[in-house]
Amino acid sequence: MCFSVHDAFYLGVLTSSIYFVWFAANGSTLEDRPRFIKARCYDPFPFPSPRELLRAQIRSVAEELDAFRKQRQKEHPNLTLTQIYNVLEKVNANAPLDEDEEAIKDKGLVLILKEHHDKLDRLVFEAYGWPQTLTNEQILEKLVALNHERAAEERRGHVRWLRPDYQKPRFGKDVDKMAAKEEGAQISADLGLPEPGARKPSFPTDAVAQTAAVFASLAAARGPADVAGIAASYRRTRNLESTISDVVGSLVRLGHVTTRDGKTFEVRRSA
C-alpha cells in the first residue's frame, strides 16, 4: 500500500498501535490475511493535530524507524519485514522463540526495533492527548468520536488538509459551498449512543461507527452476548440483527471477538 504524502509525521502515525486498532477494526480479510480497504481504513481515519514540536518529534522517530529497518535488510538481504514483525509480535507477547526466530531476532535487532515502536507510540498517544493505558475498545471509541468531530468541522468549512498545496485548489470550493449550506445549523455527530431519558437510539449507519457500537456493547456486557441482545439496545429496523451479525462476524474473523458456540460473543481479553 502506497500513501501519497511526503511528511514522515504521517508515516509515524500510520505505524503506531493506535492506527493498527483502527485498521484491524475496519479492514477485511482475504482468506486468513488482513486486507486494507482505503475507503474504510484510510480516508475516514482522523489524524492528530499536535503542536509543531511534537509533530517534528514524531517525524524524526518515524524517519529513524524507516532507516533502521532498511539498514537491517541491507545487511541481511534475505531478511523480510514479515519475518521481523512476526518475531516482534512474539517478543511483545513474551512467547518463546524457536532457533530460526532467535536468528531473525538477532539479525533484525528486534529489541531495538521494539524500542523505536514504543517511543513512537508514546509520542502518538501524546499527540492525541490520550493516556497509553487505554484499551483497544476505548481507542476505537475515541477515534470514531474524533472522526465525527472532524466531519462536523468540514461541514462548517474547516478542513485539516493532508496535502494543502494539492488538495485546496481542487476541493476547496466544494468545501466552501458545503459550509455555506450548513451555516447556522446545529451539527451533531450521531454515534448511536443513548442519551439519558431518551428513546432508544438508531444503530449507526456508517461502518466505522457500527464497529465501535458493537465493540462498546460487547465490552459493557457482563458475559457473552448474542446478536439479539445487542440489537435490543437500538431502535428496531428491518435489517438490524443482520447488520449487527455481519459486524460481529468480521470482528470474530479479525480475532477481536471470540465465540464458543457461534451464537454468543465476547471481546477477546488480553492475557
Foldseek 3Di string as FASTA:
>chain_A
DDDPFDQLLVVLLCLAVLLVLQQLQFFFADVLHTDGDCVRSPPLFDAFDAPPVLSVVSSVLSVVLVVLQVVLCVVPVVQDPVLLVVLLVCVVLVHDDDPVNVVSCVSSVSVVSVVSRVVSNVSRCVSNPHDPPDDSLRSLVVRLQVSLVQVQVLLLLDHPDSDCVPPCVPCSVVSVVSNVVCPPHDRDGCLQDDDPPDPQGAQDDDSSSNLSLLQVVQAPDPDWAFLVVSLVSHDDDDCRSVVNLVSVVRCVSSPQWDDDPSGTIHGDDDD
